[in-house]
Amino acid sequence: MPKTDTPEYRKHVYDLVRRIPKGRIMTYGQIAIVLGEGYTPRTVGYVMRNANVDNVPWQRVINSKGGCSTGRILAPHDIQQQLLEAEGVEFNERGFCRVEEYRWEPR
């Protein structure tokens, strides 16, 4: 089982996230499934919380309901949704996108 606090663990997550095309999303759980044993939605979220915004499109990783996870940051609280909307992802009035429409499946 990989250790979640290692550079190698984070690299696997970031490498996959970098492959998500503009206008598409993956969920934390989906990433955990693709990466396999030792990865969970929670640990993927932990890794993404520390992503370097300059080279990892962190905004393309959302929760399984289609919602953004930046509501608890200070400013602006809806930055993730704004970034995704700029890429063409549409959200409803409650702040959720249609996961099945925008989900990206890596080969």
N, C-alpha and C. Protein backbone atom coordinates (compact mmCIF):
# COMPACT_ATOMS: atom_id res chain seq x y z
N MET A 1 0.85 -1.18 0.00
CA MET A 1 0.00 0.00 0.00
C MET A 1 0.89 1.24 0.00
N PRO A 2 0.68 2.18 -0.94
CA PRO A 2 1.53 3.36 -0.98
C PRO A 2 1.27 4.29 0.20
N LYS A 3 2.31 5.01 0.58
CA LYS A 3 2.16 6.01 1.64
C LYS A 3 1.68 7.31 1.02
N THR A 4 0.65 7.89 1.61
CA THR A 4 0.02 9.06 1.01
C THR A 4 0.84 10.34 1.11
N ASP A 5 1.82 10.36 1.97
CA ASP A 5 2.59 11.59 2.13
C ASP A 5 3.91 11.58 1.37
N THR A 6 4.03 10.71 0.40
CA THR A 6 5.28 10.64 -0.36
C THR A 6 5.16 11.39 -1.68
N PRO A 7 6.27 11.88 -2.18
CA PRO A 7 6.26 12.54 -3.50
C PRO A 7 5.75 11.62 -4.61
N GLU A 8 6.06 10.34 -4.53
CA GLU A 8 5.62 9.40 -5.56
C GLU A 8 4.09 9.27 -5.57
N TYR A 9 3.49 9.19 -4.39
CA TYR A 9 2.03 9.10 -4.28
C TYR A 9 1.39 10.33 -4.92
N ARG A 10 1.89 11.51 -4.55
CA ARG A 10 1.34 12.76 -5.09
C ARG A 10 1.56 12.83 -6.60
N LYS A 11 2.71 12.38 -7.08
CA LYS A 11 3.01 12.42 -8.51
C LYS A 11 2.00 11.62 -9.32
N HIS A 12 1.61 10.45 -8.83
CA HIS A 12 0.62 9.64 -9.54
C HIS A 12 -0.71 10.39 -9.68
N VAL A 13 -1.13 11.04 -8.61
CA VAL A 13 -2.38 11.81 -8.64
C VAL A 13 -2.24 12.97 -9.62
N TYR A 14 -1.19 13.76 -9.47
CA TYR A 14 -1.00 14.95 -10.32
C TYR A 14 -0.84 14.57 -11.79
N ASP A 15 -0.14 13.49 -12.08
CA ASP A 15 0.04 13.07 -13.48
C ASP A 15 -1.32 12.76 -14.12
N LEU A 16 -2.19 12.09 -13.38
CA LEU A 16 -3.51 11.78 -13.92
C LEU A 16 -4.34 13.06 -14.09
N VAL A 17 -4.32 13.93 -13.10
CA VAL A 17 -5.10 15.17 -13.17
C VAL A 17 -4.63 16.05 -14.34
N ARG A 18 -3.36 16.05 -14.62
CA ARG A 18 -2.84 16.84 -15.75
C ARG A 18 -3.39 16.36 -17.09
N ARG A 19 -3.84 15.13 -17.15
CA ARG A 19 -4.37 14.56 -18.40
C ARG A 19 -5.84 14.92 -18.64
N ILE A 20 -6.54 15.42 -17.63
CA ILE A 20 -7.96 15.75 -17.78
C ILE A 20 -8.07 16.93 -18.75
N PRO A 21 -8.79 16.74 -19.85
CA PRO A 21 -8.91 17.83 -20.83
C PRO A 21 -9.74 19.01 -20.30
N LYS A 22 -9.54 20.17 -20.88
CA LYS A 22 -10.36 21.34 -20.54
C LYS A 22 -11.81 21.01 -20.79
N GLY A 23 -12.66 21.49 -19.90
CA GLY A 23 -14.09 21.27 -20.05
C GLY A 23 -14.56 19.91 -19.58
N ARG A 24 -13.69 19.13 -18.99
CA ARG A 24 -14.03 17.80 -18.48
C ARG A 24 -13.63 17.74 -17.01
N ILE A 25 -14.18 16.77 -16.30
CA ILE A 25 -13.90 16.63 -14.87
C ILE A 25 -13.67 15.16 -14.52
N MET A 26 -13.08 14.94 -13.37
CA MET A 26 -13.03 13.63 -12.74
C MET A 26 -13.40 13.85 -11.28
N THR A 27 -13.91 12.80 -10.64
CA THR A 27 -14.22 12.91 -9.22
C THR A 27 -13.05 12.34 -8.41
N TYR A 28 -13.02 12.70 -7.14
CA TYR A 28 -11.98 12.18 -6.25
C TYR A 28 -12.03 10.65 -6.22
N GLY A 29 -13.24 10.11 -6.14
CA GLY A 29 -13.40 8.66 -6.11
C GLY A 29 -12.98 8.00 -7.40
N GLN A 30 -13.29 8.62 -8.51
CA GLN A 30 -12.90 8.09 -9.81
C GLN A 30 -11.38 8.01 -9.92
N ILE A 31 -10.71 9.05 -9.49
CA ILE A 31 -9.24 9.06 -9.51
C ILE A 31 -8.70 7.94 -8.63
N ALA A 32 -9.28 7.77 -7.45
CA ALA A 32 -8.85 6.70 -6.54
C ALA A 32 -9.00 5.33 -7.19
N ILE A 33 -10.11 5.11 -7.89
CA ILE A 33 -10.33 3.83 -8.56
C ILE A 33 -9.31 3.61 -9.66
N VAL A 34 -9.07 4.63 -10.47
CA VAL A 34 -8.12 4.50 -11.57
C VAL A 34 -6.71 4.20 -11.05
N LEU A 35 -6.32 4.87 -9.97
CA LEU A 35 -4.96 4.69 -9.44
C LEU A 35 -4.80 3.40 -8.64
N GLY A 36 -5.88 2.87 -8.11
CA GLY A 36 -5.83 1.56 -7.49
C GLY A 36 -5.57 1.54 -6.00
N GLU A 37 -5.10 0.39 -5.54
CA GLU A 37 -4.93 0.12 -4.12
C GLU A 37 -4.10 1.20 -3.43
N GLY A 38 -4.59 1.61 -2.27
CA GLY A 38 -3.89 2.62 -1.49
C GLY A 38 -4.39 4.03 -1.74
N TYR A 39 -5.23 4.20 -2.74
CA TYR A 39 -5.80 5.51 -3.05
C TYR A 39 -7.27 5.51 -2.66
N THR A 40 -7.71 6.55 -1.98
CA THR A 40 -9.11 6.70 -1.59
C THR A 40 -9.54 8.11 -1.99
N PRO A 41 -10.85 8.34 -2.08
CA PRO A 41 -11.29 9.70 -2.39
C PRO A 41 -10.73 10.72 -1.39
N ARG A 42 -10.67 10.34 -0.14
CA ARG A 42 -10.16 11.26 0.89
C ARG A 42 -8.68 11.59 0.68
N THR A 43 -7.87 10.58 0.38
CA THR A 43 -6.44 10.85 0.20
C THR A 43 -6.19 11.63 -1.09
N VAL A 44 -7.00 11.35 -2.13
CA VAL A 44 -6.88 12.14 -3.36
C VAL A 44 -7.22 13.60 -3.06
N GLY A 45 -8.27 13.83 -2.27
CA GLY A 45 -8.63 15.19 -1.88
C GLY A 45 -7.53 15.88 -1.10
N TYR A 46 -6.90 15.14 -0.22
CA TYR A 46 -5.79 15.69 0.56
C TYR A 46 -4.65 16.12 -0.37
N VAL A 47 -4.32 15.27 -1.32
CA VAL A 47 -3.26 15.59 -2.27
C VAL A 47 -3.65 16.81 -3.10
N MET A 48 -4.89 16.85 -3.57
CA MET A 48 -5.33 17.97 -4.41
C MET A 48 -5.36 19.29 -3.66
N ARG A 49 -5.60 19.23 -2.38
CA ARG A 49 -5.61 20.46 -1.57
C ARG A 49 -4.25 21.16 -1.62
N ASN A 50 -3.21 20.39 -1.85
CA ASN A 50 -1.86 20.93 -1.88
C ASN A 50 -1.28 21.04 -3.29
N ALA A 51 -2.14 20.97 -4.30
CA ALA A 51 -1.67 21.01 -5.70
C ALA A 51 -1.11 22.39 -6.04
N ASN A 52 -0.06 22.38 -6.83
CA ASN A 52 0.52 23.61 -7.34
C ASN A 52 -0.38 24.08 -8.48
N VAL A 53 -1.03 25.22 -8.30
CA VAL A 53 -2.00 25.68 -9.29
C VAL A 53 -1.38 26.03 -10.63
N ASP A 54 -0.07 26.23 -10.67
CA ASP A 54 0.58 26.58 -11.93
C ASP A 54 0.70 25.42 -12.90
N ASN A 55 0.74 24.19 -12.39
CA ASN A 55 0.93 23.08 -13.32
C ASN A 55 -0.01 21.90 -13.11
N VAL A 56 -0.99 22.06 -12.24
CA VAL A 56 -1.98 21.00 -12.03
C VAL A 56 -3.37 21.65 -12.13
N PRO A 57 -4.20 21.22 -13.08
CA PRO A 57 -5.54 21.81 -13.21
C PRO A 57 -6.49 21.29 -12.12
N TRP A 58 -6.22 21.66 -10.91
CA TRP A 58 -6.93 21.18 -9.72
C TRP A 58 -8.44 21.38 -9.82
N GLN A 59 -8.86 22.42 -10.54
CA GLN A 59 -10.29 22.73 -10.62
C GLN A 59 -11.09 21.63 -11.30
N ARG A 60 -10.45 20.75 -12.04
CA ARG A 60 -11.15 19.71 -12.79
C ARG A 60 -11.47 18.48 -11.95
N VAL A 61 -11.15 18.52 -10.66
CA VAL A 61 -11.46 17.41 -9.76
C VAL A 61 -12.55 17.89 -8.80
N ILE A 62 -13.70 17.20 -8.86
CA ILE A 62 -14.86 17.62 -8.07
C ILE A 62 -15.40 16.43 -7.28
N ASN A 63 -16.41 16.69 -6.46
CA ASN A 63 -16.97 15.60 -5.68
C ASN A 63 -17.94 14.77 -6.52
N SER A 64 -18.35 13.64 -6.00
CA SER A 64 -19.15 12.68 -6.76
C SER A 64 -20.55 13.20 -7.11
N LYS A 65 -21.02 14.23 -6.41
CA LYS A 65 -22.33 14.79 -6.70
C LYS A 65 -22.27 15.87 -7.78
N GLY A 66 -21.05 16.22 -8.21
CA GLY A 66 -20.91 17.25 -9.23
C GLY A 66 -20.68 18.63 -8.65
N GLY A 67 -20.35 18.68 -7.37
CA GLY A 67 -20.14 19.95 -6.70
C GLY A 67 -18.67 20.26 -6.51
N CYS A 68 -18.40 21.52 -6.33
CA CYS A 68 -17.04 21.99 -6.09
C CYS A 68 -16.70 21.89 -4.61
N SER A 69 -15.43 21.86 -4.34
CA SER A 69 -14.98 21.69 -2.95
C SER A 69 -14.22 22.89 -2.42
N THR A 70 -14.47 24.06 -3.01
CA THR A 70 -13.75 25.25 -2.57
C THR A 70 -14.62 26.18 -1.73
N GLY A 71 -15.77 25.72 -1.30
CA GLY A 71 -16.68 26.56 -0.54
C GLY A 71 -16.14 27.03 0.80
N ARG A 72 -15.13 26.34 1.31
CA ARG A 72 -14.59 26.70 2.62
C ARG A 72 -13.32 27.55 2.55
N ILE A 73 -12.87 27.88 1.32
CA ILE A 73 -11.70 28.74 1.24
C ILE A 73 -12.14 30.19 1.34
N LEU A 74 -11.21 31.07 1.59
CA LEU A 74 -11.58 32.44 1.90
C LEU A 74 -12.04 33.25 0.68
N ALA A 75 -11.22 33.35 -0.34
CA ALA A 75 -11.62 34.26 -1.42
C ALA A 75 -11.10 33.81 -2.75
N PRO A 76 -11.84 33.88 -3.81
CA PRO A 76 -13.30 33.82 -3.76
C PRO A 76 -13.75 32.39 -3.52
N HIS A 77 -14.82 32.21 -2.82
CA HIS A 77 -15.29 30.87 -2.43
C HIS A 77 -15.75 30.04 -3.62
N ASP A 78 -16.11 30.66 -4.73
CA ASP A 78 -16.58 29.92 -5.89
C ASP A 78 -15.57 29.88 -7.03
N ILE A 79 -14.30 30.02 -6.72
CA ILE A 79 -13.27 30.06 -7.76
C ILE A 79 -13.24 28.79 -8.61
N GLN A 80 -13.44 27.65 -8.00
CA GLN A 80 -13.40 26.40 -8.76
C GLN A 80 -14.54 26.38 -9.79
N GLN A 81 -15.73 26.75 -9.39
CA GLN A 81 -16.85 26.79 -10.32
C GLN A 81 -16.60 27.80 -11.42
N GLN A 82 -16.07 28.96 -11.08
CA GLN A 82 -15.76 29.99 -12.08
C GLN A 82 -14.77 29.46 -13.12
N LEU A 83 -13.72 28.79 -12.66
CA LEU A 83 -12.72 28.26 -13.58
C LEU A 83 -13.31 27.19 -14.49
N LEU A 84 -14.15 26.34 -13.94
CA LEU A 84 -14.79 25.30 -14.76
C LEU A 84 -15.80 25.89 -15.74
N GLU A 85 -16.55 26.88 -15.31
CA GLU A 85 -17.49 27.54 -16.22
C GLU A 85 -16.75 28.20 -17.38
N ALA A 86 -15.58 28.74 -17.11
CA ALA A 86 -14.77 29.35 -18.18
C ALA A 86 -14.31 28.30 -19.19
N GLU A 87 -14.28 27.03 -18.77
CA GLU A 87 -13.90 25.93 -19.66
C GLU A 87 -15.13 25.31 -20.34
N GLY A 88 -16.33 25.79 -20.02
CA GLY A 88 -17.54 25.30 -20.65
C GLY A 88 -18.38 24.35 -19.83
N VAL A 89 -17.99 24.10 -18.59
CA VAL A 89 -18.78 23.23 -17.72
C VAL A 89 -19.93 24.05 -17.15
N GLU A 90 -21.15 23.56 -17.30
CA GLU A 90 -22.33 24.27 -16.81
C GLU A 90 -22.77 23.73 -15.46
N PHE A 91 -23.15 24.64 -14.59
CA PHE A 91 -23.63 24.31 -13.25
C PHE A 91 -25.06 24.77 -13.09
N ASN A 92 -25.83 24.04 -12.30
CA ASN A 92 -27.21 24.47 -12.03
C ASN A 92 -27.21 25.52 -10.93
N GLU A 93 -28.40 26.00 -10.59
CA GLU A 93 -28.53 27.07 -9.59
C GLU A 93 -28.06 26.65 -8.21
N ARG A 94 -27.96 25.35 -7.96
CA ARG A 94 -27.48 24.84 -6.67
C ARG A 94 -25.98 24.61 -6.66
N GLY A 95 -25.31 24.85 -7.80
CA GLY A 95 -23.86 24.72 -7.87
C GLY A 95 -23.36 23.33 -8.21
N PHE A 96 -24.16 22.56 -8.94
CA PHE A 96 -23.76 21.21 -9.34
C PHE A 96 -23.75 21.09 -10.85
N CYS A 97 -22.78 20.35 -11.37
CA CYS A 97 -22.76 20.05 -12.80
C CYS A 97 -23.22 18.61 -12.99
N ARG A 98 -23.53 18.26 -14.22
CA ARG A 98 -23.95 16.90 -14.54
C ARG A 98 -22.69 16.05 -14.74
N VAL A 99 -22.34 15.30 -13.71
CA VAL A 99 -21.11 14.50 -13.72
C VAL A 99 -21.07 13.59 -14.94
N GLU A 100 -22.18 12.91 -15.24
CA GLU A 100 -22.18 11.97 -16.35
C GLU A 100 -21.92 12.65 -17.70
N GLU A 101 -22.23 13.91 -17.80
CA GLU A 101 -22.00 14.67 -19.05
C GLU A 101 -20.55 15.12 -19.20
N TYR A 102 -19.93 15.53 -18.10
CA TYR A 102 -18.59 16.12 -18.16
C TYR A 102 -17.47 15.19 -17.72
N ARG A 103 -17.81 14.01 -17.20
CA ARG A 103 -16.80 13.07 -16.70
C ARG A 103 -15.86 12.64 -17.81
N TRP A 104 -14.59 12.64 -17.48
CA TRP A 104 -13.57 12.16 -18.41
C TRP A 104 -13.10 10.79 -17.94
N GLU A 105 -13.02 9.86 -18.87
CA GLU A 105 -12.56 8.50 -18.57
C GLU A 105 -11.20 8.29 -19.23
N PRO A 106 -10.14 8.16 -18.46
CA PRO A 106 -8.82 7.91 -19.08
C PRO A 106 -8.77 6.52 -19.70
N ARG A 107 -7.97 6.40 -20.71
CA ARG A 107 -7.80 5.10 -21.38
C ARG A 107 -6.75 4.28 -20.71
